[in-house]
């Protein structure tokens, strides 16, 4: 896998893929790990169309979905060295590159979708996007990724106690691992592309994700219990490498910003539809949808914020988010 990954890097560098230019236009290359039927990919297609229209064909977008250019972590590394222009990653992965982002992965931080949008679309969200620039990552906007919940293979989860002894796949995220551990489960980091097989073979007993991802990944074929505890509202983040961003003119940056804003609005509309469709589809496929008492889960890890009291910056962010209307 490492050989394949570094081969990709060499090919990208050799071909000068980052922000490639012809005589008449520039092409931005965007890699991500989701299926083409996902709302995020559809929003990116719209972004490309809008970008080309806004720039009168001078700036174009070339999209590589389904981990063609590597995992989310690998795409971020490609952005940092200037071999890829743009990517979309979960905040859970991004926190390993831009540490302040981990605040968004804290369980039961948001009171719901509207509260999350108020934070993400306001000054706090912009502050977190800006913070990534010191790590060569230019944050452009937040896509809706709904709420994450547990799905399991052999045993339903009606309360936190049911997670005891169960190996739960998580992203490479400290906050996600702490959350699962705090609820009594055994967190097991595994890449998204390897998870279906890991579930089949019993490497893990379950995972946690939003309804469209559970459905489109076909994990419902293996896991027949889906517990809607909605422990985290973890957004996806659209980013450009700072090397790419700085190569764009001010006018080109303006076109890209506008195209991103349009795609964010469009994706959030698609997301609501996809979420409802996914829940209906997995239910028809024989998945038991469990709607537990969420307070049981929240109370079990209610002290998760306290560990940040000694971190003045993080604790202040938590309080500001909680105070946001």
Protein backbone atom coordinates (compact mmCIF):
# COMPACT_ATOMS: atom_id res chain seq x y z
CA UNK A 1 0.00 0.00 0.00
CA UNK A 2 2.85 2.35 0.88
CA UNK A 3 4.46 1.62 -2.50
CA UNK A 4 1.18 2.37 -4.28
CA UNK A 5 0.74 5.60 -2.32
CA UNK A 6 4.22 6.93 -3.00
CA UNK A 7 3.87 5.91 -6.64
CA UNK A 8 0.81 8.16 -6.79
CA UNK A 9 2.81 11.03 -5.30
CA UNK A 10 5.62 10.57 -7.80
CA UNK A 11 3.22 10.42 -10.72
CA UNK A 12 1.41 13.55 -9.53
CA UNK A 13 4.62 15.46 -9.04
CA UNK A 14 6.13 14.27 -12.31
CA UNK A 15 3.04 15.24 -14.27
CA UNK A 16 2.87 18.63 -12.51
CA UNK A 17 -0.75 17.94 -11.63
CA UNK A 18 -1.13 20.66 -9.02
CA UNK A 19 -3.10 23.58 -10.41
CA UNK A 20 -2.10 22.64 -13.96
CA UNK A 21 -2.27 25.34 -16.57
CA UNK A 22 -2.81 25.38 -20.29
CA UNK A 23 -2.64 28.44 -22.46
CA UNK A 24 -6.27 29.34 -21.83
CA UNK A 25 -7.34 27.83 -18.49
CA UNK A 26 -6.27 26.31 -15.19
CA UNK A 27 -7.46 22.96 -13.84
CA UNK A 28 -7.77 22.25 -10.12
CA UNK A 29 -7.60 18.58 -9.17
CA UNK A 30 -9.80 17.44 -6.30
CA UNK A 31 -9.49 13.99 -4.73
CA UNK A 32 -11.87 12.49 -2.15
CA UNK A 33 -12.87 9.11 -0.74
CA UNK A 34 -16.63 9.01 -1.30
CA UNK A 35 -18.80 7.22 -3.85
CA UNK A 36 -20.09 9.18 -6.85
CA UNK A 37 -23.67 8.76 -5.62
CA UNK A 38 -22.87 10.61 -2.37
CA UNK A 39 -24.29 14.10 -1.85
CA UNK A 40 -20.78 15.50 -1.35
CA UNK A 41 -19.62 14.27 -4.74
CA UNK A 42 -22.76 15.64 -6.41
CA UNK A 43 -22.12 19.01 -4.75
CA UNK A 44 -18.55 18.94 -6.04
CA UNK A 45 -19.80 18.29 -9.57
CA UNK A 46 -22.02 21.37 -9.20
CA UNK A 47 -19.06 23.30 -7.84
CA UNK A 48 -17.10 22.42 -10.96
CA UNK A 49 -19.94 23.53 -13.21
CA UNK A 50 -20.36 26.81 -11.31
CA UNK A 51 -16.62 27.42 -11.26
CA UNK A 52 -16.36 27.02 -15.00
CA UNK A 53 -19.39 29.28 -15.56
CA UNK A 54 -18.18 31.99 -13.14
CA UNK A 55 -14.72 32.04 -14.71
CA UNK A 56 -15.98 31.81 -18.29
CA UNK A 57 -14.01 28.57 -18.69
CA UNK A 58 -10.76 29.95 -17.26
CA UNK A 59 -10.85 27.80 -14.11
CA UNK A 60 -11.96 24.17 -14.12
CA UNK A 61 -12.31 21.34 -11.62
CA UNK A 62 -11.24 17.73 -12.17
CA UNK A 63 -12.65 15.31 -9.56
CA UNK A 64 -11.16 11.97 -8.49
CA UNK A 65 -13.67 10.16 -6.19
CA UNK A 66 -13.62 6.82 -4.34
CA UNK A 67 -10.07 7.03 -2.95
CA UNK A 68 -8.52 7.01 -6.43
CA UNK A 69 -5.76 9.23 -5.06
CA UNK A 70 -5.60 7.68 -1.59
CA UNK A 71 -7.29 7.85 1.79
CA UNK A 72 -8.36 11.10 3.41
CA UNK A 73 -5.10 11.28 5.34
CA UNK A 74 -3.08 10.68 2.18
CA UNK A 75 -4.99 13.34 0.26
CA UNK A 76 -4.25 15.84 3.02
CA UNK A 77 -0.55 14.98 2.79
CA UNK A 78 -0.68 15.48 -0.97
CA UNK A 79 -2.24 18.92 -0.42
CA UNK A 80 0.53 19.87 1.99
CA UNK A 81 3.29 19.08 -0.51
CA UNK A 82 1.44 20.72 -3.40
CA UNK A 83 0.79 17.56 -5.42
CA UNK A 84 -3.01 17.82 -5.13
CA UNK A 85 -5.10 20.99 -5.20
CA UNK A 86 -8.23 20.20 -3.20
CA UNK A 87 -9.82 17.52 -1.07
CA UNK A 88 -12.71 16.81 1.30
CA UNK A 89 -12.07 15.17 4.64
CA UNK A 90 -13.95 14.52 7.83
CA UNK A 91 -13.10 16.74 10.77
CA UNK A 92 -12.17 13.53 12.57
CA UNK A 93 -9.23 13.03 10.21
CA UNK A 94 -8.41 16.72 9.91
CA UNK A 95 -7.83 17.07 13.65
CA UNK A 96 -4.58 15.12 13.21
CA UNK A 97 -3.31 17.93 10.97
CA UNK A 98 -5.02 20.99 12.47
CA UNK A 99 -5.39 20.22 16.21
CA UNK A 100 -8.03 22.85 17.07
CA UNK A 101 -10.47 21.05 14.77
CA UNK A 102 -10.80 18.29 17.35
CA UNK A 103 -13.24 20.49 19.27
CA UNK A 104 -15.87 19.74 16.59
CA UNK A 105 -15.53 16.01 17.25
CA UNK A 106 -16.46 16.17 20.93
CA UNK A 107 -19.58 14.09 21.67
CA UNK A 108 -22.88 15.85 22.31
CA UNK A 109 -21.26 19.25 21.78
CA UNK A 110 -24.02 20.48 19.48
CA UNK A 111 -27.68 20.71 20.37
CA UNK A 112 -28.68 19.75 16.84
CA UNK A 113 -28.18 20.52 13.16
CA UNK A 114 -29.20 24.19 13.35
CA UNK A 115 -26.89 24.86 16.28
CA UNK A 116 -24.05 23.19 14.37
CA UNK A 117 -24.65 25.35 11.30
CA UNK A 118 -24.74 28.51 13.43
CA UNK A 119 -21.29 27.62 14.74
CA UNK A 120 -19.78 26.42 11.46
CA UNK A 121 -21.10 29.30 9.36
CA UNK A 122 -20.16 31.91 11.94
CA UNK A 123 -16.96 33.35 13.34
CA UNK A 124 -15.96 30.18 15.20
CA UNK A 125 -16.17 28.05 12.08
CA UNK A 126 -14.17 30.60 10.08
CA UNK A 127 -11.57 30.84 12.83
CA UNK A 128 -11.07 27.06 12.68
CA UNK A 129 -10.78 27.11 8.88
CA UNK A 130 -8.20 29.89 9.06
CA UNK A 131 -6.21 28.01 11.67
CA UNK A 132 -5.39 25.30 9.13
CA UNK A 133 -3.30 27.66 7.01
CA UNK A 134 -0.30 27.29 9.32
CA UNK A 135 -0.37 23.60 8.37
CA UNK A 136 -0.52 24.39 4.61
CA UNK A 137 -4.26 23.68 4.47
CA UNK A 138 -6.68 26.38 3.31
CA UNK A 139 -10.17 25.69 4.69
CA UNK A 140 -12.91 26.65 2.24
CA UNK A 141 -16.18 25.48 3.77
CA UNK A 142 -18.17 22.86 5.64
CA UNK A 143 -20.38 20.19 4.11
CA UNK A 144 -23.14 18.58 6.15
CA UNK A 145 -22.29 15.06 7.32
CA UNK A 146 -25.23 14.72 9.67
CA UNK A 147 -24.99 12.91 12.97
CA UNK A 148 -22.91 9.82 13.60
CA UNK A 149 -24.45 6.79 15.31
CA UNK A 150 -23.43 3.20 16.09
CA UNK A 151 -24.13 0.19 13.90
CA UNK A 152 -23.28 -3.34 14.99
CA UNK A 153 -23.13 -6.84 13.61
CA UNK A 154 -24.09 -9.31 16.30
CA UNK A 155 -25.58 -7.38 19.21
CA UNK A 156 -27.95 -4.39 19.32
CA UNK A 157 -26.91 -1.30 21.28
CA UNK A 158 -29.79 0.02 23.35
CA UNK A 159 -27.63 1.63 26.05
CA UNK A 160 -23.93 2.35 26.58
CA UNK A 161 -23.55 -0.90 28.54
CA UNK A 162 -24.22 -2.83 25.31
CA UNK A 163 -20.97 -1.50 23.84
CA UNK A 164 -18.90 -3.26 26.50
CA UNK A 165 -16.50 -5.71 24.86
CA UNK A 166 -17.45 -4.67 21.34
CA UNK A 167 -14.70 -3.61 18.94
CA UNK A 168 -15.95 -0.45 17.21
CA UNK A 169 -14.23 0.97 14.16
CA UNK A 170 -13.35 4.64 14.44
CA UNK A 171 -11.43 7.11 12.31
CA UNK A 172 -7.86 7.96 13.24
CA UNK A 173 -9.20 10.48 15.71
CA UNK A 174 -8.25 10.85 19.36
CA UNK A 175 -11.65 12.33 20.22
CA UNK A 176 -13.48 9.44 18.51
CA UNK A 177 -11.35 6.87 20.33
CA UNK A 178 -11.87 8.62 23.67
CA UNK A 179 -15.62 8.71 23.07
CA UNK A 180 -15.97 5.00 22.29
CA UNK A 181 -13.70 4.10 25.20
CA UNK A 182 -15.72 6.35 27.52
CA UNK A 183 -18.93 4.58 26.48
CA UNK A 184 -17.41 1.19 27.26
CA UNK A 185 -16.44 -0.02 23.78
CA UNK A 186 -13.04 -0.86 22.31
CA UNK A 187 -12.10 1.71 19.63
CA UNK A 188 -10.32 0.25 16.60
CA UNK A 189 -8.96 2.63 13.92
CA UNK A 190 -9.42 1.22 10.42
CA UNK A 191 -9.47 3.05 7.09
CA UNK A 192 -12.88 3.51 5.49
CA UNK A 193 -11.95 1.50 2.40
CA UNK A 194 -11.01 -1.55 4.49
CA UNK A 195 -14.02 -1.48 6.81
CA UNK A 196 -16.47 -3.68 4.88
CA UNK A 197 -14.03 -6.57 4.87
CA UNK A 198 -13.11 -5.95 8.51
CA UNK A 199 -16.78 -6.21 9.46
CA UNK A 200 -17.26 -9.35 7.38
CA UNK A 201 -14.25 -11.07 8.91
CA UNK A 202 -15.05 -10.05 12.47
CA UNK A 203 -12.01 -7.82 12.90
CA UNK A 204 -14.48 -5.33 14.37
CA UNK A 205 -18.00 -5.81 15.70
CA UNK A 206 -19.36 -2.52 14.45
CA UNK A 207 -18.68 1.07 13.50
CA UNK A 208 -20.20 4.53 13.76
CA UNK A 209 -21.26 6.82 10.97
CA UNK A 210 -24.14 8.77 9.46
CA UNK A 211 -27.06 7.11 7.62
CA UNK A 212 -25.98 7.84 4.00
CA UNK A 213 -22.47 6.50 4.64
CA UNK A 214 -23.89 3.40 6.34
CA UNK A 215 -26.13 2.82 3.33
CA UNK A 216 -23.84 3.71 0.42
CA UNK A 217 -20.97 1.66 1.86
CA UNK A 218 -23.33 -1.34 1.98
CA UNK A 219 -22.27 -1.97 5.56
CA UNK A 220 -25.94 -2.71 6.25
CA UNK A 221 -25.38 -6.04 4.48
CA UNK A 222 -23.24 -7.09 7.44
CA UNK A 223 -24.53 -4.96 10.33
CA UNK A 224 -28.22 -5.38 11.08
CA UNK A 225 -28.51 -3.03 14.07
CA UNK A 226 -28.38 0.76 13.76
CA UNK A 227 -28.62 2.78 16.99
CA UNK A 228 -29.47 6.44 16.41
CA UNK A 229 -27.78 7.87 19.48
CA UNK A 230 -26.36 10.73 17.30
CA UNK A 231 -23.30 11.14 19.50
CA UNK A 232 -21.44 13.56 17.21
CA UNK A 233 -22.33 16.09 14.55
CA UNK A 234 -19.09 15.84 12.62
CA UNK A 235 -18.90 17.97 9.45
CA UNK A 236 -16.87 17.37 6.33
CA UNK A 237 -14.39 20.08 5.41
CA UNK A 238 -13.48 21.21 1.91
CA UNK A 239 -9.86 22.32 1.64
CA UNK A 240 -7.26 23.54 -0.81
CA UNK A 241 -3.52 23.34 -0.35
CA UNK A 242 -2.00 26.72 0.51
CA UNK A 243 0.46 26.26 -2.36
CA UNK A 244 -2.45 26.00 -4.77
CA UNK A 245 -4.35 28.88 -3.15
CA UNK A 246 -1.39 31.23 -3.37
CA UNK A 247 -0.92 30.45 -7.07
CA UNK A 248 -4.44 31.66 -7.83
CA UNK A 249 -5.04 35.30 -8.62
CA UNK A 250 -7.39 37.31 -6.41
CA UNK A 251 -10.05 37.04 -9.11
CA UNK A 252 -9.62 33.26 -9.34
CA UNK A 253 -9.85 32.95 -5.55
CA UNK A 254 -13.11 34.89 -5.70
CA UNK A 255 -14.54 32.53 -8.33
CA UNK A 256 -13.57 29.51 -6.27
CA UNK A 257 -15.04 30.95 -3.06
CA UNK A 258 -18.35 31.67 -4.78
CA UNK A 259 -18.49 28.20 -6.34
CA UNK A 260 -17.76 26.64 -2.94
CA UNK A 261 -20.53 28.65 -1.25
CA UNK A 262 -23.05 27.51 -3.87
CA UNK A 263 -21.98 23.89 -3.49
CA UNK A 264 -22.31 24.02 0.31
CA UNK A 265 -25.92 25.22 0.07
CA UNK A 266 -26.69 22.57 -2.57
CA UNK A 267 -25.02 19.74 -0.64
CA UNK A 268 -26.93 20.51 2.54
CA UNK A 269 -30.21 20.27 0.63
CA UNK A 270 -29.17 16.96 -0.92
CA UNK A 271 -28.02 15.67 2.45
CA UNK A 272 -31.45 15.85 4.07
CA UNK A 273 -32.95 13.87 1.19
CA UNK A 274 -30.13 11.33 1.27
CA UNK A 275 -30.45 10.85 5.03
CA UNK A 276 -34.16 10.01 4.84
CA UNK A 277 -33.68 7.76 1.82
CA UNK A 278 -30.82 5.91 3.51
CA UNK A 279 -32.80 5.15 6.66
CA UNK A 280 -35.73 3.86 4.61
CA UNK A 281 -33.45 1.73 2.43
CA UNK A 282 -31.56 0.03 5.27
CA UNK A 283 -34.81 -0.60 7.09
CA UNK A 284 -36.18 -2.37 4.00
CA UNK A 285 -32.97 -4.38 3.87
CA UNK A 286 -33.71 -5.80 7.32
CA UNK A 287 -31.78 -3.44 9.56
CA UNK A 288 -33.32 -2.81 12.98
CA UNK A 289 -33.44 0.95 13.59
CA UNK A 290 -33.03 1.61 17.32
CA UNK A 291 -33.93 4.99 18.80
CA UNK A 292 -32.41 4.91 22.30
CA UNK A 293 -32.60 7.37 25.15
CA UNK A 294 -29.74 9.67 24.07
CA UNK A 295 -29.32 11.06 27.56
CA UNK A 296 -27.95 7.66 28.68
CA UNK A 297 -25.05 8.10 26.26
CA UNK A 298 -24.56 11.81 26.95
CA UNK A 299 -24.54 11.28 30.72
CA UNK A 300 -22.01 8.47 30.44
CA UNK A 301 -19.42 10.81 28.95
CA UNK A 302 -20.61 14.15 30.31
CA UNK A 303 -17.16 14.81 31.78
CA UNK A 304 -15.50 14.64 28.32
CA UNK A 305 -15.27 18.44 28.22
CA UNK A 306 -13.61 18.66 31.63
CA UNK A 307 -10.34 17.16 30.43
CA UNK A 308 -9.78 20.36 28.41
CA UNK A 309 -9.97 22.70 31.40
CA UNK A 310 -6.19 22.93 31.47
CA UNK A 311 -6.13 23.81 27.77
CA UNK A 312 -7.24 27.44 27.81
CA UNK A 313 -7.73 27.74 24.03
CA UNK A 314 -9.75 24.53 23.65
CA UNK A 315 -11.88 25.14 26.73
CA UNK A 316 -12.68 28.65 25.57
CA UNK A 317 -13.75 27.26 22.17
CA UNK A 318 -16.03 24.75 23.89
CA UNK A 319 -17.68 27.46 25.97
CA UNK A 320 -18.13 29.73 22.93
CA UNK A 321 -19.73 26.90 20.96
CA UNK A 322 -22.08 26.04 23.81
CA UNK A 323 -23.06 29.71 24.13
CA UNK A 324 -23.84 30.09 20.41
CA UNK A 325 -27.55 30.42 19.67
